[in-house]
């Protein structure tokens, strides 16, 4: 699925073989070429973080299912996959650093507001 899904807003659901399914929701939009029934490759951009549906602020809602049951992805032993290329990881870290700093700043603001 690549489309609107109720309170999730813009959503992409990926089926990984027969057992695993992941869901990405509240997206601002979809990357070029992403559509229901299409295929994606590891590392391919599928969409952009947003605040659609019943979201109260920009974030990515992520779900992980095994055989249709929601599970904690960190509790699963998953098959090996190719690692992220070093240059892509460095690029991600470079692009995410200012965003992480802003989130830290916003967290401080929210904490200050909560202490009133």
N, C-alpha and C. Protein backbone atom coordinates (compact mmCIF):
# COMPACT_ATOMS: atom_id res chain seq x y z
N UNK A 1 0.85 -1.19 0.00
CA UNK A 1 0.00 0.00 0.00
C UNK A 1 0.88 1.23 0.00
N UNK A 2 0.52 2.20 -0.79
CA UNK A 2 1.10 3.54 -0.76
C UNK A 2 -0.07 4.48 -0.98
N UNK A 3 -0.60 5.04 0.11
CA UNK A 3 -1.75 5.92 0.00
C UNK A 3 -2.26 6.32 1.36
N UNK A 4 -3.45 6.88 1.40
CA UNK A 4 -4.04 7.31 2.68
C UNK A 4 -4.66 6.12 3.40
N UNK A 5 -4.51 6.10 4.73
CA UNK A 5 -5.04 4.99 5.53
C UNK A 5 -5.59 5.56 6.83
N UNK A 6 -6.82 6.05 6.78
CA UNK A 6 -7.50 6.55 7.98
C UNK A 6 -6.68 7.51 8.80
N UNK A 7 -6.62 7.28 10.12
CA UNK A 7 -5.89 8.14 11.04
C UNK A 7 -4.39 8.13 10.84
N UNK A 8 -3.89 7.16 10.07
CA UNK A 8 -2.47 7.12 9.76
C UNK A 8 -2.07 8.16 8.71
N UNK A 9 -3.04 8.68 7.97
CA UNK A 9 -2.71 9.62 6.90
C UNK A 9 -1.95 8.91 5.79
N UNK A 10 -1.00 9.60 5.20
CA UNK A 10 -0.20 9.01 4.12
C UNK A 10 0.64 7.88 4.68
N UNK A 11 0.47 6.70 4.11
CA UNK A 11 1.07 5.48 4.67
C UNK A 11 1.68 4.63 3.58
N UNK A 12 2.80 3.99 3.91
CA UNK A 12 3.40 2.96 3.06
C UNK A 12 3.47 1.69 3.89
N UNK A 13 2.97 0.59 3.32
CA UNK A 13 3.08 -0.72 3.96
C UNK A 13 3.94 -1.58 3.04
N UNK A 14 5.02 -2.13 3.59
CA UNK A 14 5.91 -2.99 2.82
C UNK A 14 5.78 -4.43 3.30
N UNK A 15 5.65 -5.35 2.36
CA UNK A 15 5.63 -6.77 2.66
C UNK A 15 7.02 -7.30 2.36
N UNK A 16 7.67 -7.88 3.36
CA UNK A 16 9.03 -8.42 3.23
C UNK A 16 8.93 -9.94 3.20
N UNK A 17 8.86 -10.52 2.01
CA UNK A 17 8.67 -11.96 1.92
C UNK A 17 7.29 -12.33 2.44
N UNK A 18 7.16 -13.52 2.99
CA UNK A 18 5.83 -13.96 3.44
C UNK A 18 5.58 -13.68 4.92
N UNK A 19 6.63 -13.44 5.73
CA UNK A 19 6.45 -13.31 7.19
C UNK A 19 6.39 -11.89 7.71
N UNK A 20 7.18 -11.00 7.15
CA UNK A 20 7.37 -9.69 7.75
C UNK A 20 6.64 -8.59 6.98
N UNK A 21 6.12 -7.64 7.74
CA UNK A 21 5.46 -6.47 7.15
C UNK A 21 5.83 -5.26 8.00
N UNK A 22 6.14 -4.15 7.33
CA UNK A 22 6.41 -2.90 8.04
C UNK A 22 5.46 -1.82 7.54
N UNK A 23 5.12 -0.91 8.44
CA UNK A 23 4.20 0.18 8.11
C UNK A 23 4.87 1.49 8.50
N UNK A 24 4.77 2.48 7.63
CA UNK A 24 5.34 3.81 7.85
C UNK A 24 4.21 4.81 7.63
N UNK A 25 3.88 5.60 8.65
CA UNK A 25 2.69 6.44 8.56
C UNK A 25 2.95 7.90 8.93
N UNK A 26 1.94 8.73 8.67
CA UNK A 26 1.93 10.18 8.90
C UNK A 26 2.90 10.90 7.96
N UNK A 27 3.19 10.30 6.82
CA UNK A 27 4.18 10.84 5.91
C UNK A 27 3.67 12.07 5.18
N UNK A 28 4.59 13.00 4.95
CA UNK A 28 4.26 14.21 4.19
C UNK A 28 3.93 13.85 2.75
N UNK A 29 4.68 12.93 2.21
CA UNK A 29 4.45 12.50 0.83
C UNK A 29 5.30 11.29 0.52
N UNK A 30 5.14 10.79 -0.68
CA UNK A 30 5.84 9.59 -1.11
C UNK A 30 6.94 9.96 -2.10
N UNK A 31 8.00 9.18 -2.08
CA UNK A 31 9.08 9.39 -3.04
C UNK A 31 8.58 9.05 -4.45
N UNK A 32 9.23 9.62 -5.43
CA UNK A 32 8.86 9.39 -6.82
C UNK A 32 8.90 7.89 -7.13
N UNK A 33 7.85 7.40 -7.75
CA UNK A 33 7.79 6.00 -8.16
C UNK A 33 7.20 5.05 -7.13
N UNK A 34 6.94 5.53 -5.92
CA UNK A 34 6.36 4.66 -4.89
C UNK A 34 4.86 4.56 -5.13
N UNK A 35 4.38 3.33 -5.29
CA UNK A 35 2.95 3.13 -5.54
C UNK A 35 2.55 1.75 -5.04
N UNK A 36 1.28 1.58 -4.80
CA UNK A 36 0.75 0.29 -4.36
C UNK A 36 1.08 -0.78 -5.39
N UNK A 37 1.61 -1.90 -4.92
CA UNK A 37 1.95 -3.01 -5.81
C UNK A 37 3.35 -2.94 -6.37
N UNK A 38 4.05 -1.84 -6.14
CA UNK A 38 5.41 -1.69 -6.65
C UNK A 38 6.43 -2.39 -5.77
N UNK A 39 7.66 -2.43 -6.23
CA UNK A 39 8.76 -3.02 -5.48
C UNK A 39 9.72 -1.93 -5.03
N UNK A 40 10.38 -2.17 -3.91
CA UNK A 40 11.42 -1.26 -3.43
C UNK A 40 12.66 -2.07 -3.11
N UNK A 41 13.79 -1.38 -3.04
CA UNK A 41 15.06 -2.01 -2.71
C UNK A 41 15.57 -1.45 -1.39
N UNK A 42 16.40 -2.22 -0.72
CA UNK A 42 17.00 -1.76 0.53
C UNK A 42 17.72 -0.43 0.28
N UNK A 43 17.48 0.53 1.16
CA UNK A 43 18.11 1.83 1.06
C UNK A 43 17.36 2.84 0.22
N UNK A 44 16.33 2.39 -0.50
CA UNK A 44 15.55 3.29 -1.35
C UNK A 44 14.66 4.18 -0.48
N UNK A 45 14.59 5.45 -0.82
CA UNK A 45 13.70 6.37 -0.12
C UNK A 45 12.27 6.07 -0.54
N UNK A 46 11.39 5.91 0.45
CA UNK A 46 9.99 5.61 0.15
C UNK A 46 9.07 6.79 0.43
N UNK A 47 9.50 7.72 1.27
CA UNK A 47 8.65 8.87 1.59
C UNK A 47 9.35 9.81 2.53
N UNK A 48 8.58 10.79 3.00
CA UNK A 48 9.14 11.88 3.79
C UNK A 48 8.32 12.10 5.05
N UNK A 49 9.01 12.31 6.16
CA UNK A 49 8.35 12.51 7.46
C UNK A 49 7.40 13.68 7.39
N UNK A 50 6.24 13.51 8.01
CA UNK A 50 5.24 14.57 8.00
C UNK A 50 4.34 14.49 9.20
N UNK A 51 3.15 15.05 9.04
CA UNK A 51 2.17 15.05 10.13
C UNK A 51 0.76 14.96 9.56
N UNK A 52 0.51 13.87 8.81
CA UNK A 52 -0.80 13.68 8.20
C UNK A 52 -1.66 12.76 9.06
N UNK A 53 -2.93 12.66 8.71
CA UNK A 53 -3.84 11.83 9.50
C UNK A 53 -4.11 12.48 10.84
N UNK A 54 -4.13 11.70 11.89
CA UNK A 54 -4.41 12.21 13.23
C UNK A 54 -3.14 12.53 14.01
N UNK A 55 -2.03 12.70 13.31
CA UNK A 55 -0.77 13.04 13.95
C UNK A 55 -0.86 14.41 14.62
N UNK A 56 -0.20 14.55 15.77
CA UNK A 56 -0.19 15.84 16.47
C UNK A 56 1.11 16.60 16.26
N UNK A 57 2.01 16.04 15.50
CA UNK A 57 3.28 16.70 15.18
C UNK A 57 4.08 15.83 14.24
N UNK A 58 5.07 16.42 13.55
CA UNK A 58 5.85 15.67 12.57
C UNK A 58 6.62 14.51 13.21
N UNK A 59 6.43 13.35 12.69
CA UNK A 59 7.18 12.16 13.10
C UNK A 59 6.88 11.03 12.12
N UNK A 60 7.63 9.97 12.24
CA UNK A 60 7.37 8.77 11.46
C UNK A 60 6.81 7.71 12.39
N UNK A 61 5.61 7.25 12.11
CA UNK A 61 5.01 6.15 12.87
C UNK A 61 5.45 4.86 12.19
N UNK A 62 6.06 3.95 12.94
CA UNK A 62 6.62 2.71 12.41
C UNK A 62 5.98 1.52 13.12
N UNK A 63 5.58 0.54 12.36
CA UNK A 63 5.07 -0.70 12.93
C UNK A 63 5.78 -1.88 12.27
N UNK A 64 5.94 -2.94 13.03
CA UNK A 64 6.59 -4.15 12.55
C UNK A 64 5.70 -5.34 12.89
N UNK A 65 5.42 -6.16 11.90
CA UNK A 65 4.55 -7.32 12.11
C UNK A 65 5.25 -8.60 11.64
N UNK A 66 5.01 -9.66 12.38
CA UNK A 66 5.46 -11.00 11.97
C UNK A 66 4.21 -11.86 11.86
N UNK A 67 3.97 -12.38 10.67
CA UNK A 67 2.77 -13.19 10.41
C UNK A 67 1.50 -12.47 10.87
N UNK A 68 1.43 -11.17 10.63
CA UNK A 68 0.24 -10.39 10.93
C UNK A 68 0.11 -9.93 12.37
N UNK A 69 1.08 -10.26 13.23
CA UNK A 69 1.04 -9.86 14.64
C UNK A 69 2.07 -8.77 14.90
N UNK A 70 1.65 -7.68 15.56
CA UNK A 70 2.58 -6.61 15.91
C UNK A 70 3.58 -7.12 16.94
N UNK A 71 4.86 -6.87 16.68
CA UNK A 71 5.91 -7.27 17.62
C UNK A 71 6.93 -6.15 17.74
N UNK A 72 7.72 -6.21 18.81
CA UNK A 72 8.83 -5.29 19.00
C UNK A 72 9.94 -5.72 18.04
N UNK A 73 10.32 -4.87 17.08
CA UNK A 73 11.33 -5.29 16.10
C UNK A 73 12.68 -5.60 16.74
N UNK A 74 12.97 -4.99 17.89
CA UNK A 74 14.25 -5.24 18.55
C UNK A 74 14.30 -6.62 19.20
N UNK A 75 13.14 -7.27 19.35
CA UNK A 75 13.10 -8.60 19.97
C UNK A 75 13.25 -9.71 18.93
N UNK A 76 13.35 -9.36 17.66
CA UNK A 76 13.35 -10.36 16.59
C UNK A 76 14.76 -10.65 16.09
N UNK A 77 15.01 -11.92 15.78
CA UNK A 77 16.24 -12.29 15.09
C UNK A 77 15.91 -12.29 13.61
N UNK A 78 16.42 -11.29 12.92
CA UNK A 78 16.08 -11.12 11.50
C UNK A 78 17.18 -11.69 10.62
N UNK A 79 16.83 -12.03 9.38
CA UNK A 79 17.85 -12.50 8.45
C UNK A 79 18.86 -11.39 8.18
N UNK A 80 20.07 -11.78 7.87
CA UNK A 80 21.13 -10.81 7.57
C UNK A 80 20.78 -10.01 6.31
N UNK A 81 21.16 -8.76 6.31
CA UNK A 81 20.96 -7.89 5.15
C UNK A 81 22.27 -7.18 4.87
N UNK A 82 22.40 -6.66 3.67
CA UNK A 82 23.60 -5.90 3.34
C UNK A 82 23.66 -4.66 4.21
N UNK A 83 24.83 -4.34 4.75
CA UNK A 83 24.94 -3.14 5.59
C UNK A 83 24.82 -1.87 4.75
N UNK A 84 24.52 -0.77 5.42
CA UNK A 84 24.46 0.53 4.76
C UNK A 84 25.88 0.93 4.38
N UNK A 85 26.05 1.38 3.15
CA UNK A 85 27.37 1.81 2.69
C UNK A 85 27.88 2.95 3.56
N UNK A 86 29.19 2.95 3.82
CA UNK A 86 29.80 3.95 4.69
C UNK A 86 29.51 5.37 4.26
N UNK A 87 29.55 5.64 2.95
CA UNK A 87 29.29 7.01 2.48
C UNK A 87 27.83 7.41 2.71
N UNK A 88 26.91 6.46 2.62
CA UNK A 88 25.50 6.76 2.87
C UNK A 88 25.26 7.01 4.36
N UNK A 89 25.94 6.25 5.21
CA UNK A 89 25.81 6.47 6.65
C UNK A 89 26.35 7.85 7.02
N UNK A 90 27.51 8.20 6.46
CA UNK A 90 28.10 9.51 6.74
C UNK A 90 27.17 10.62 6.26
N UNK A 91 26.56 10.44 5.09
CA UNK A 91 25.63 11.44 4.56
C UNK A 91 24.41 11.57 5.47
N UNK A 92 23.88 10.45 5.94
CA UNK A 92 22.74 10.47 6.86
C UNK A 92 23.10 11.22 8.14
N UNK A 93 24.26 10.90 8.70
CA UNK A 93 24.66 11.56 9.95
C UNK A 93 24.81 13.07 9.74
N UNK A 94 25.37 13.46 8.60
CA UNK A 94 25.55 14.89 8.30
C UNK A 94 24.19 15.59 8.18
N UNK A 95 23.25 14.97 7.49
CA UNK A 95 21.94 15.58 7.30
C UNK A 95 21.09 15.56 8.57
N UNK A 96 21.27 14.54 9.39
CA UNK A 96 20.43 14.43 10.58
C UNK A 96 20.94 15.25 11.76
N UNK A 97 22.21 15.62 11.77
CA UNK A 97 22.78 16.34 12.91
C UNK A 97 22.02 17.63 13.24
N UNK A 98 21.73 18.52 12.27
CA UNK A 98 20.98 19.73 12.62
C UNK A 98 19.55 19.43 13.07
N UNK A 99 18.96 18.38 12.54
CA UNK A 99 17.60 18.01 12.96
C UNK A 99 17.60 17.49 14.39
N UNK A 100 18.59 16.70 14.74
CA UNK A 100 18.69 16.20 16.11
C UNK A 100 18.91 17.36 17.08
N UNK A 101 19.74 18.32 16.69
CA UNK A 101 19.98 19.49 17.55
C UNK A 101 18.69 20.27 17.76
N UNK A 102 17.91 20.41 16.70
CA UNK A 102 16.64 21.13 16.82
C UNK A 102 15.67 20.38 17.73
N UNK A 103 15.63 19.05 17.60
CA UNK A 103 14.74 18.27 18.47
C UNK A 103 15.16 18.42 19.93
N UNK A 104 16.47 18.43 20.18
CA UNK A 104 16.94 18.63 21.56
C UNK A 104 16.51 19.99 22.08
N UNK A 105 16.60 21.01 21.21
CA UNK A 105 16.20 22.36 21.59
C UNK A 105 14.69 22.40 21.89
N UNK A 106 13.91 21.78 21.03
CA UNK A 106 12.45 21.75 21.24
C UNK A 106 12.10 21.00 22.52
N UNK A 107 12.83 19.93 22.80
CA UNK A 107 12.58 19.17 24.02
C UNK A 107 12.82 20.06 25.25
N UNK A 108 13.88 20.86 25.22
CA UNK A 108 14.16 21.78 26.32
C UNK A 108 13.04 22.79 26.48
N UNK A 109 12.52 23.29 25.36
CA UNK A 109 11.42 24.25 25.39
C UNK A 109 10.18 23.62 26.01
N UNK A 110 9.87 22.40 25.60
CA UNK A 110 8.70 21.70 26.14
C UNK A 110 8.85 21.43 27.63
N UNK A 111 10.06 21.05 28.04
CA UNK A 111 10.29 20.81 29.47
C UNK A 111 10.09 22.10 30.26
N UNK A 112 10.58 23.22 29.72
CA UNK A 112 10.42 24.50 30.40
C UNK A 112 8.94 24.87 30.50
N UNK A 113 8.19 24.64 29.44
CA UNK A 113 6.75 24.94 29.46
C UNK A 113 6.01 24.07 30.47
N UNK A 114 6.43 22.81 30.60
CA UNK A 114 5.78 21.90 31.53
C UNK A 114 6.04 22.26 32.99
N UNK A 115 7.11 23.01 33.25
CA UNK A 115 7.45 23.37 34.63
C UNK A 115 6.71 24.60 35.10
N UNK A 116 5.94 25.23 34.22
CA UNK A 116 5.18 26.43 34.62
C UNK A 116 4.08 26.11 35.58
